[in-house]
Amino acid sequence: MHSSIRTVVARMARAFLILVAVLVSLSLVGIDLTVLSVFGGALGVAIGLGLQKIASSYVSGFVILLERCLAIGDMVAVGTFYGKVTQINSRYTVLQGLDGIDTVVPNEIFMINSVQNYSLTNRTLRLSTHVTIVHRDDIESILLLLEQATISVNRVSREVLPQALLLKIGPDGLELEVGFWIVDPENGRLNVLSDVNRAIWRVLQDNQIKIAQVKRDIKILHENNFSAASSQESQIPDTQDQPNLKNGQ
């Protein structure tokens, strides 16, 4: 039996046994069980009005466990939260971020929002980094160097090899993208991305490949020239408010 199904069965059995224990206890002390109908109606109204959000979270928790769309250890992103699923309770789910902070997310959030599960069917995750270099003739050899530098990083997958692509031939340089795959997203993405960028930087430095820079034209005006230009602009007559003179009128 799946772990999620075992959790559902255990909790439902526990709730049923508690209910049976309460009913048997009331019968032993001589309380008529028919008086509980009024209490049950009031409780239903309270759940429908005041406890609507809590009841929705509880129902959502059982739906999540039954559908098995989330499991312990999955890396998920919902709304502004991203992290590893460490607990799936009846009312809430605990996500542990890569910074070690635990976030308690109500199960209702998983039902009303789109959830990105990075390890539902496949734990392999694609990452990419971009670099713009100056125009070169040997672009094929440069792409090969970038792929070799990326594959040297430990966490980069060897099953799906990295791929360097020429995205755009721009006026400032050649825009390149290096895409690679990892199989352990729970260990973080920024650290492996940093290792790949450092490896790419080293191979660029070793092969004397220059990073493209945006070209800018800067004109410096001296104070005397700026004053002269300002005085010339002030001497230009404004003809918008003057009447149009024709035939000496």
C-alpha atoms as a PDB file:
ATOM      1  CA  MET A   1       0.000   0.000   0.000  1.00  0.00           C
ATOM      2  CA  HIS A   2       1.253   3.453  -0.883  1.00  0.00           C
ATOM      3  CA  SER A   3       2.384   5.627   2.005  1.00  0.00           C
ATOM      4  CA  SER A   4      -0.283   8.241   1.233  1.00  0.00           C
ATOM      5  CA  ILE A   5      -3.046   5.594   1.273  1.00  0.00           C
ATOM      6  CA  ARG A   6      -1.755   4.236   4.591  1.00  0.00           C
ATOM      7  CA  THR A   7      -1.906   7.721   6.072  1.00  0.00           C
ATOM      8  CA  VAL A   8      -5.499   8.216   4.926  1.00  0.00           C
ATOM      9  CA  VAL A   9      -6.604   4.828   6.315  1.00  0.00           C
ATOM     10  CA  ALA A  10      -4.893   5.450   9.656  1.00  0.00           C
ATOM     11  CA  ARG A  11      -6.457   8.880  10.140  1.00  0.00           C
ATOM     12  CA  MET A  12      -9.932   7.775   9.104  1.00  0.00           C
ATOM     13  CA  ALA A  13      -9.712   4.771  11.443  1.00  0.00           C
ATOM     14  CA  ARG A  14      -8.584   7.009  14.293  1.00  0.00           C
ATOM     15  CA  ALA A  15     -11.471   9.447  13.746  1.00  0.00           C
ATOM     16  CA  PHE A  16     -13.973   6.550  13.559  1.00  0.00           C
ATOM     17  CA  LEU A  17     -12.711   4.978  16.774  1.00  0.00           C
ATOM     18  CA  ILE A  18     -12.885   8.302  18.618  1.00  0.00           C
ATOM     19  CA  LEU A  19     -16.473   8.771  17.447  1.00  0.00           C
ATOM     20  CA  VAL A  20     -17.436   5.258  18.567  1.00  0.00           C
ATOM     21  CA  ALA A  21     -15.762   5.825  21.948  1.00  0.00           C
ATOM     22  CA  VAL A  22     -17.693   9.061  22.492  1.00  0.00           C
ATOM     23  CA  LEU A  23     -21.034   7.468  21.573  1.00  0.00           C
ATOM     24  CA  VAL A  24     -20.442   4.442  23.810  1.00  0.00           C
ATOM     25  CA  SER A  25     -19.400   6.680  26.686  1.00  0.00           C
ATOM     26  CA  LEU A  26     -22.559   8.777  26.366  1.00  0.00           C
ATOM     27  CA  SER A  27     -24.706   5.644  26.321  1.00  0.00           C
ATOM     28  CA  LEU A  28     -23.015   4.274  29.459  1.00  0.00           C
ATOM     29  CA  VAL A  29     -23.671   7.445  31.455  1.00  0.00           C
ATOM     30  CA  GLY A  30     -27.334   7.394  30.427  1.00  0.00           C
ATOM     31  CA  ILE A  31     -27.434  10.339  27.974  1.00  0.00           C
ATOM     32  CA  ASP A  32     -29.975   9.986  25.179  1.00  0.00           C
ATOM     33  CA  LEU A  33     -28.202  10.119  21.831  1.00  0.00           C
ATOM     34  CA  THR A  34     -31.182  11.826  20.195  1.00  0.00           C
ATOM     35  CA  VAL A  35     -30.242  15.081  21.909  1.00  0.00           C
ATOM     36  CA  LEU A  36     -27.114  15.150  19.788  1.00  0.00           C
ATOM     37  CA  SER A  37     -29.139  15.936  16.664  1.00  0.00           C
ATOM     38  CA  VAL A  38     -29.474  19.574  17.704  1.00  0.00           C
ATOM     39  CA  PHE A  39     -25.778  19.745  18.457  1.00  0.00           C
ATOM     40  CA  GLY A  40     -24.998  18.161  15.111  1.00  0.00           C
ATOM     41  CA  GLY A  41     -27.101  20.706  13.263  1.00  0.00           C
ATOM     42  CA  ALA A  42     -25.437  23.615  15.061  1.00  0.00           C
ATOM     43  CA  LEU A  43     -22.031  22.111  14.359  1.00  0.00           C
ATOM     44  CA  GLY A  44     -22.874  21.807  10.677  1.00  0.00           C
ATOM     45  CA  VAL A  45     -23.871  25.468  10.510  1.00  0.00           C
ATOM     46  CA  ALA A  46     -20.657  26.477  12.288  1.00  0.00           C
ATOM     47  CA  ILE A  47     -18.546  24.491   9.864  1.00  0.00           C
ATOM     48  CA  GLY A  48     -20.447  25.956   6.905  1.00  0.00           C
ATOM     49  CA  LEU A  49     -19.935  29.540   8.086  1.00  0.00           C
ATOM     50  CA  GLY A  50     -17.112  30.083  10.544  1.00  0.00           C
ATOM     51  CA  LEU A  51     -14.957  27.059   9.784  1.00  0.00           C
ATOM     52  CA  GLN A  52     -15.291  27.076   6.024  1.00  0.00           C
ATOM     53  CA  LYS A  53     -11.595  27.691   5.361  1.00  0.00           C
ATOM     54  CA  ILE A  54     -10.482  25.091   7.886  1.00  0.00           C
ATOM     55  CA  ALA A  55     -12.889  22.502   6.529  1.00  0.00           C
ATOM     56  CA  SER A  56     -11.723  23.280   3.000  1.00  0.00           C
ATOM     57  CA  SER A  57      -8.094  22.734   4.037  1.00  0.00           C
ATOM     58  CA  TYR A  58      -8.962  19.412   5.669  1.00  0.00           C
ATOM     59  CA  VAL A  59     -10.855  18.176   2.613  1.00  0.00           C
ATOM     60  CA  SER A  60      -8.031  19.381   0.366  1.00  0.00           C
ATOM     61  CA  GLY A  61      -5.527  17.451   2.489  1.00  0.00           C
ATOM     62  CA  PHE A  62      -7.377  14.174   2.003  1.00  0.00           C
ATOM     63  CA  VAL A  63      -7.728  14.868  -1.724  1.00  0.00           C
ATOM     64  CA  ILE A  64      -3.996  15.481  -2.037  1.00  0.00           C
ATOM     65  CA  LEU A  65      -3.210  12.239  -0.243  1.00  0.00           C
ATOM     66  CA  LEU A  66      -5.689  10.223  -2.286  1.00  0.00           C
ATOM     67  CA  GLU A  67      -4.601  11.629  -5.645  1.00  0.00           C
ATOM     68  CA  ARG A  68      -0.897  11.286  -4.711  1.00  0.00           C
ATOM     69  CA  CYS A  69      -0.023  14.471  -6.582  1.00  0.00           C
ATOM     70  CA  LEU A  70       2.390  15.332  -3.750  1.00  0.00           C
ATOM     71  CA  ALA A  71       4.727  13.058  -1.847  1.00  0.00           C
ATOM     72  CA  ILE A  72       7.329  13.447   0.863  1.00  0.00           C
ATOM     73  CA  GLY A  73      10.566  14.624  -0.715  1.00  0.00           C
ATOM     74  CA  ASP A  74       9.054  16.297  -3.781  1.00  0.00           C
ATOM     75  CA  MET A  75      10.367  19.701  -4.843  1.00  0.00           C
ATOM     76  CA  VAL A  76       7.341  21.920  -5.522  1.00  0.00           C
ATOM     77  CA  ALA A  77       6.557  25.559  -6.198  1.00  0.00           C
ATOM     78  CA  VAL A  78       3.148  27.038  -5.415  1.00  0.00           C
ATOM     79  CA  GLY A  79       2.532  30.763  -5.514  1.00  0.00           C
ATOM     80  CA  THR A  80       5.593  32.461  -4.022  1.00  0.00           C
ATOM     81  CA  PHE A  81       6.717  29.363  -2.104  1.00  0.00           C
ATOM     82  CA  TYR A  82       9.334  26.876  -3.276  1.00  0.00           C
ATOM     83  CA  GLY A  83      10.840  24.032  -1.352  1.00  0.00           C
ATOM     84  CA  LYS A  84      10.929  20.369  -0.416  1.00  0.00           C
ATOM     85  CA  VAL A  85       7.810  18.668   0.955  1.00  0.00           C
ATOM     86  CA  THR A  86       8.681  17.410   4.435  1.00  0.00           C
ATOM     87  CA  GLN A  87       5.190  16.881   5.909  1.00  0.00           C
ATOM     88  CA  ILE A  88       1.698  16.358   4.510  1.00  0.00           C
ATOM     89  CA  ASN A  89      -0.864  16.796   7.267  1.00  0.00           C
ATOM     90  CA  SER A  90      -4.646  16.905   7.158  1.00  0.00           C
ATOM     91  CA  ARG A  91      -4.813  20.716   7.199  1.00  0.00           C
ATOM     92  CA  TYR A  92      -1.431  21.908   6.007  1.00  0.00           C
ATOM     93  CA  THR A  93       1.746  20.903   4.185  1.00  0.00           C
ATOM     94  CA  VAL A  94       5.241  21.890   5.278  1.00  0.00           C
ATOM     95  CA  LEU A  95       7.691  23.098   2.625  1.00  0.00           C
ATOM     96  CA  GLN A  96      11.353  23.398   3.548  1.00  0.00           C
ATOM     97  CA  GLY A  97      13.086  26.049   1.468  1.00  0.00           C
ATOM     98  CA  LEU A  98      16.652  25.818   0.262  1.00  0.00           C
ATOM     99  CA  ASP A  99      17.575  28.323   2.990  1.00  0.00           C
ATOM    100  CA  GLY A 100      16.321  25.909   5.670  1.00  0.00           C
ATOM    101  CA  ILE A 101      13.165  27.875   6.492  1.00  0.00           C
ATOM    102  CA  ASP A 102       9.987  25.811   6.891  1.00  0.00           C
ATOM    103  CA  THR A 103       6.798  27.232   5.398  1.00  0.00           C
ATOM    104  CA  VAL A 104       3.394  25.978   6.557  1.00  0.00           C
ATOM    105  CA  VAL A 105       1.088  26.109   3.538  1.00  0.00           C
ATOM    106  CA  PRO A 106      -2.649  25.365   3.945  1.00  0.00           C
ATOM    107  CA  ASN A 107      -3.740  22.497   1.744  1.00  0.00           C
ATOM    108  CA  GLU A 108      -6.390  24.700   0.186  1.00  0.00           C
ATOM    109  CA  ILE A 109      -3.609  26.660  -1.538  1.00  0.00           C
ATOM    110  CA  PHE A 110      -2.585  23.525  -3.434  1.00  0.00           C
ATOM    111  CA  MET A 111      -6.142  23.063  -4.685  1.00  0.00           C
ATOM    112  CA  ILE A 112      -6.873  26.597  -5.919  1.00  0.00           C
ATOM    113  CA  ASN A 113      -3.437  27.430  -7.362  1.00  0.00           C
ATOM    114  CA  SER A 114      -1.271  25.849 -10.020  1.00  0.00           C
ATOM    115  CA  VAL A 115       1.475  23.708  -8.493  1.00  0.00           C
ATOM    116  CA  GLN A 116       4.814  22.990 -10.145  1.00  0.00           C
ATOM    117  CA  ASN A 117       6.104  19.603  -9.014  1.00  0.00           C
ATOM    118  CA  TYR A 118       9.702  19.183 -10.128  1.00  0.00           C
ATOM    119  CA  SER A 119       9.820  15.500  -9.179  1.00  0.00           C
ATOM    120  CA  LEU A 120       6.327  14.135  -9.852  1.00  0.00           C
ATOM    121  CA  THR A 121       7.174  11.934 -12.818  1.00  0.00           C
ATOM    122  CA  ASN A 122      10.799  12.880 -13.516  1.00  0.00           C
ATOM    123  CA  ARG A 123      13.359  14.392 -11.173  1.00  0.00           C
ATOM    124  CA  THR A 124      15.496  15.677 -14.035  1.00  0.00           C
ATOM    125  CA  LEU A 125      15.452  19.495 -14.194  1.00  0.00           C
ATOM    126  CA  ARG A 126      16.843  21.756 -16.924  1.00  0.00           C
ATOM    127  CA  LEU A 127      18.761  24.925 -16.079  1.00  0.00           C
ATOM    128  CA  SER A 128      20.427  27.434 -18.363  1.00  0.00           C
ATOM    129  CA  THR A 129      22.846  30.335 -18.298  1.00  0.00           C
ATOM    130  CA  HIS A 130      23.553  33.045 -20.866  1.00  0.00           C
ATOM    131  CA  VAL A 131      26.708  34.769 -22.041  1.00  0.00           C
ATOM    132  CA  THR A 132      27.382  37.310 -24.793  1.00  0.00           C
ATOM    133  CA  ILE A 133      30.790  37.266 -26.484  1.00  0.00           C
ATOM    134  CA  VAL A 134      32.364  39.399 -29.184  1.00  0.00           C
ATOM    135  CA  HIS A 135      31.932  38.388 -32.802  1.00  0.00           C
ATOM    136  CA  ARG A 136      34.167  35.434 -33.635  1.00  0.00           C
ATOM    137  CA  ASP A 137      34.645  33.217 -36.671  1.00  0.00           C
ATOM    138  CA  ASP A 138      35.285  30.026 -34.691  1.00  0.00           C
ATOM    139  CA  ILE A 139      31.864  29.895 -33.021  1.00  0.00           C
ATOM    140  CA  GLU A 140      31.633  26.104 -33.311  1.00  0.00           C
ATOM    141  CA  SER A 141      34.786  25.550 -31.280  1.00  0.00           C
ATOM    142  CA  ILE A 142      33.570  28.033 -28.657  1.00  0.00           C
ATOM    143  CA  LEU A 143      30.273  26.183 -28.269  1.00  0.00           C
ATOM    144  CA  LEU A 144      32.190  22.940 -27.817  1.00  0.00           C
ATOM    145  CA  LEU A 145      34.378  24.524 -25.137  1.00  0.00           C
ATOM    146  CA  LEU A 146      31.334  25.753 -23.236  1.00  0.00           C
ATOM    147  CA  GLU A 147      29.753  22.293 -23.316  1.00  0.00           C
ATOM    148  CA  GLN A 148      32.969  20.674 -22.057  1.00  0.00           C
ATOM    149  CA  ALA A 149      33.256  23.235 -19.255  1.00  0.00           C
ATOM    150  CA  THR A 150      29.664  22.581 -18.186  1.00  0.00           C
ATOM    151  CA  ILE A 151      29.989  18.802 -18.161  1.00  0.00           C
ATOM    152  CA  SER A 152      32.974  19.111 -15.812  1.00  0.00           C
ATOM    153  CA  VAL A 153      30.663  20.254 -12.977  1.00  0.00           C
ATOM    154  CA  ASN A 154      29.828  17.348 -10.666  1.00  0.00           C
ATOM    155  CA  ARG A 155      26.068  17.828 -10.376  1.00  0.00           C
ATOM    156  CA  VAL A 156      25.483  18.221 -14.120  1.00  0.00           C
ATOM    157  CA  SER A 157      23.838  15.123 -15.566  1.00  0.00           C
ATOM    158  CA  ARG A 158      25.882  12.906 -17.885  1.00  0.00           C
ATOM    159  CA  GLU A 159      22.827  11.092 -19.223  1.00  0.00           C
ATOM    160  CA  VAL A 160      21.512  14.199 -21.008  1.00  0.00           C
ATOM    161  CA  LEU A 161      24.572  16.126 -22.176  1.00  0.00           C
ATOM    162  CA  PRO A 162      24.727  19.934 -21.968  1.00  0.00           C
ATOM    163  CA  GLN A 163      24.001  21.882 -25.113  1.00  0.00           C
ATOM    164  CA  ALA A 164      25.383  25.284 -26.108  1.00  0.00           C
ATOM    165  CA  LEU A 165      23.239  27.283 -28.510  1.00  0.00           C
ATOM    166  CA  LEU A 166      23.702  30.458 -30.521  1.00  0.00           C
ATOM    167  CA  LEU A 167      20.542  32.397 -29.748  1.00  0.00           C
ATOM    168  CA  LYS A 168      21.114  35.676 -31.532  1.00  0.00           C
ATOM    169  CA  ILE A 169      23.652  37.546 -33.628  1.00  0.00           C
ATOM    170  CA  GLY A 170      23.286  40.989 -32.134  1.00  0.00           C
ATOM    171  CA  PRO A 171      24.987  44.287 -32.864  1.00  0.00           C
ATOM    172  CA  ASP A 172      26.985  44.063 -29.622  1.00  0.00           C
ATOM    173  CA  GLY A 173      28.006  40.414 -29.882  1.00  0.00           C
ATOM    174  CA  LEU A 174      26.931  36.787 -30.087  1.00  0.00           C
ATOM    175  CA  GLU A 175      24.313  35.786 -27.520  1.00  0.00           C
ATOM    176  CA  LEU A 176      24.898  32.207 -26.342  1.00  0.00           C
ATOM    177  CA  GLU A 177      22.890  29.922 -24.063  1.00  0.00           C
ATOM    178  CA  VAL A 178      24.241  26.893 -22.251  1.00  0.00           C
ATOM    179  CA  GLY A 179      21.533  24.466 -21.139  1.00  0.00           C
ATOM    180  CA  PHE A 180      22.195  21.563 -18.796  1.00  0.00           C
ATOM    181  CA  TRP A 181      20.261  19.083 -16.647  1.00  0.00           C
ATOM    182  CA  ILE A 182      20.440  18.060 -12.994  1.00  0.00           C
ATOM    183  CA  VAL A 183      18.872  15.046 -11.298  1.00  0.00           C
ATOM    184  CA  ASP A 184      18.858  16.342  -7.695  1.00  0.00           C
ATOM    185  CA  PRO A 185      16.790  19.567  -7.574  1.00  0.00           C
ATOM    186  CA  GLU A 186      16.360  19.140  -3.813  1.00  0.00           C
ATOM    187  CA  ASN A 187      20.029  20.136  -3.394  1.00  0.00           C
ATOM    188  CA  GLY A 188      19.402  23.593  -4.844  1.00  0.00           C
ATOM    189  CA  ARG A 189      19.713  25.310  -8.178  1.00  0.00           C
ATOM    190  CA  LEU A 190      21.716  28.474  -7.506  1.00  0.00           C
ATOM    191  CA  ASN A 191      24.795  26.605  -6.285  1.00  0.00           C
ATOM    192  CA  VAL A 192      25.078  24.409  -9.377  1.00  0.00           C
ATOM    193  CA  LEU A 193      24.347  27.420 -11.584  1.00  0.00           C
ATOM    194  CA  SER A 194      27.170  29.288  -9.883  1.00  0.00           C
ATOM    195  CA  ASP A 195      29.552  26.356 -10.452  1.00  0.00           C
ATOM    196  CA  VAL A 196      28.644  26.262 -14.147  1.00  0.00           C
ATOM    197  CA  ASN A 197      29.160  30.029 -14.517  1.00  0.00           C
ATOM    198  CA  ARG A 198      32.550  29.778 -12.827  1.00  0.00           C
ATOM    199  CA  ALA A 199      33.592  26.942 -15.133  1.00  0.00           C
ATOM    200  CA  ILE A 200      32.471  28.942 -18.170  1.00  0.00           C
ATOM    201  CA  TRP A 201      34.366  32.004 -16.934  1.00  0.00           C
ATOM    202  CA  ARG A 202      37.566  29.986 -16.542  1.00  0.00           C
ATOM    203  CA  VAL A 203      37.352  28.549 -20.051  1.00  0.00           C
ATOM    204  CA  LEU A 204      36.704  32.015 -21.484  1.00  0.00           C
ATOM    205  CA  GLN A 205      39.756  33.391 -19.701  1.00  0.00           C
ATOM    206  CA  ASP A 206      41.997  30.475 -20.696  1.00  0.00           C
ATOM    207  CA  ASN A 207      41.065  30.824 -24.377  1.00  0.00           C
ATOM    208  CA  GLN A 208      41.125  34.657 -24.376  1.00  0.00           C
ATOM    209  CA  ILE A 209      37.470  34.944 -25.380  1.00  0.00           C
ATOM    210  CA  LYS A 210      36.198  38.425 -24.585  1.00  0.00           C
ATOM    211  CA  ILE A 211      32.787  39.216 -23.156  1.00  0.00           C
ATOM    212  CA  ALA A 212      30.840  41.631 -25.356  1.00  0.00           C
ATOM    213  CA  GLN A 213      30.097  45.043 -23.943  1.00  0.00           C
ATOM    214  CA  VAL A 214      27.323  47.412 -24.916  1.00  0.00           C
ATOM    215  CA  LYS A 215      28.616  50.149 -27.185  1.00  0.00           C
ATOM    216  CA  ARG A 216      27.866  53.696 -26.093  1.00  0.00           C
ATOM    217  CA  ASP A 217      28.691  57.049 -27.691  1.00  0.00           C
ATOM    218  CA  ILE A 218      29.500  59.688 -25.080  1.00  0.00           C
ATOM    219  CA  LYS A 219      29.958  63.352 -26.056  1.00  0.00           C
ATOM    220  CA  ILE A 220      31.668  65.677 -23.579  1.00  0.00           C
ATOM    221  CA  LEU A 221      30.874  69.374 -23.886  1.00  0.00           C
ATOM    222  CA  HIS A 222      33.227  71.927 -22.343  1.00  0.00           C
ATOM    223  CA  GLU A 223      31.730  74.718 -20.272  1.00  0.00           C
ATOM    224  CA  ASN A 224      32.528  77.429 -22.873  1.00  0.00           C
ATOM    225  CA  ASN A 225      31.002  75.435 -25.735  1.00  0.00           C
ATOM    226  CA  PHE A 226      27.916  74.655 -23.655  1.00  0.00           C
ATOM    227  CA  SER A 227      27.434  78.359 -22.834  1.00  0.00           C
ATOM    228  CA  ALA A 228      27.829  79.319 -26.495  1.00  0.00           C
ATOM    229  CA  ALA A 229      25.321  76.731 -27.580  1.00  0.00           C
ATOM    230  CA  SER A 230      22.855  77.934 -24.968  1.00  0.00           C
ATOM    231  CA  SER A 231      23.236  81.580 -26.064  1.00  0.00           C
ATOM    232  CA  GLN A 232      22.659  80.638 -29.699  1.00  0.00           C
ATOM    233  CA  GLU A 233      19.468  78.831 -28.806  1.00  0.00           C
ATOM    234  CA  SER A 234      18.247  81.871 -26.854  1.00  0.00           C
ATOM    235  CA  GLN A 235      18.789  84.138 -29.894  1.00  0.00           C
ATOM    236  CA  ILE A 236      16.554  82.066 -32.167  1.00  0.00           C
ATOM    237  CA  PRO A 237      13.294  84.034 -32.581  1.00  0.00           C
ATOM    238  CA  ASP A 238      10.069  82.370 -31.613  1.00  0.00           C
ATOM    239  CA  THR A 239       7.869  82.612 -34.705  1.00  0.00           C
ATOM    240  CA  GLN A 240       4.929  80.725 -33.304  1.00  0.00           C
ATOM    241  CA  ASP A 241       3.287  83.797 -31.687  1.00  0.00           C
ATOM    242  CA  GLN A 242       4.172  86.293 -34.476  1.00  0.00           C
ATOM    243  CA  PRO A 243       1.579  87.162 -37.168  1.00  0.00           C
ATOM    244  CA  ASN A 244       2.166  86.008 -40.724  1.00  0.00           C
ATOM    245  CA  LEU A 245       3.156  89.083 -42.784  1.00  0.00           C
ATOM    246  CA  LYS A 246       2.297  88.975 -46.480  1.00  0.00           C
ATOM    247  CA  ASN A 247       2.391  91.769 -49.108  1.00  0.00           C
ATOM    248  CA  GLY A 248       3.808  94.321 -46.633  1.00  0.00           C
ATOM    249  CA  GLN A 249       0.940  93.900 -44.159  1.00  0.00           C
END
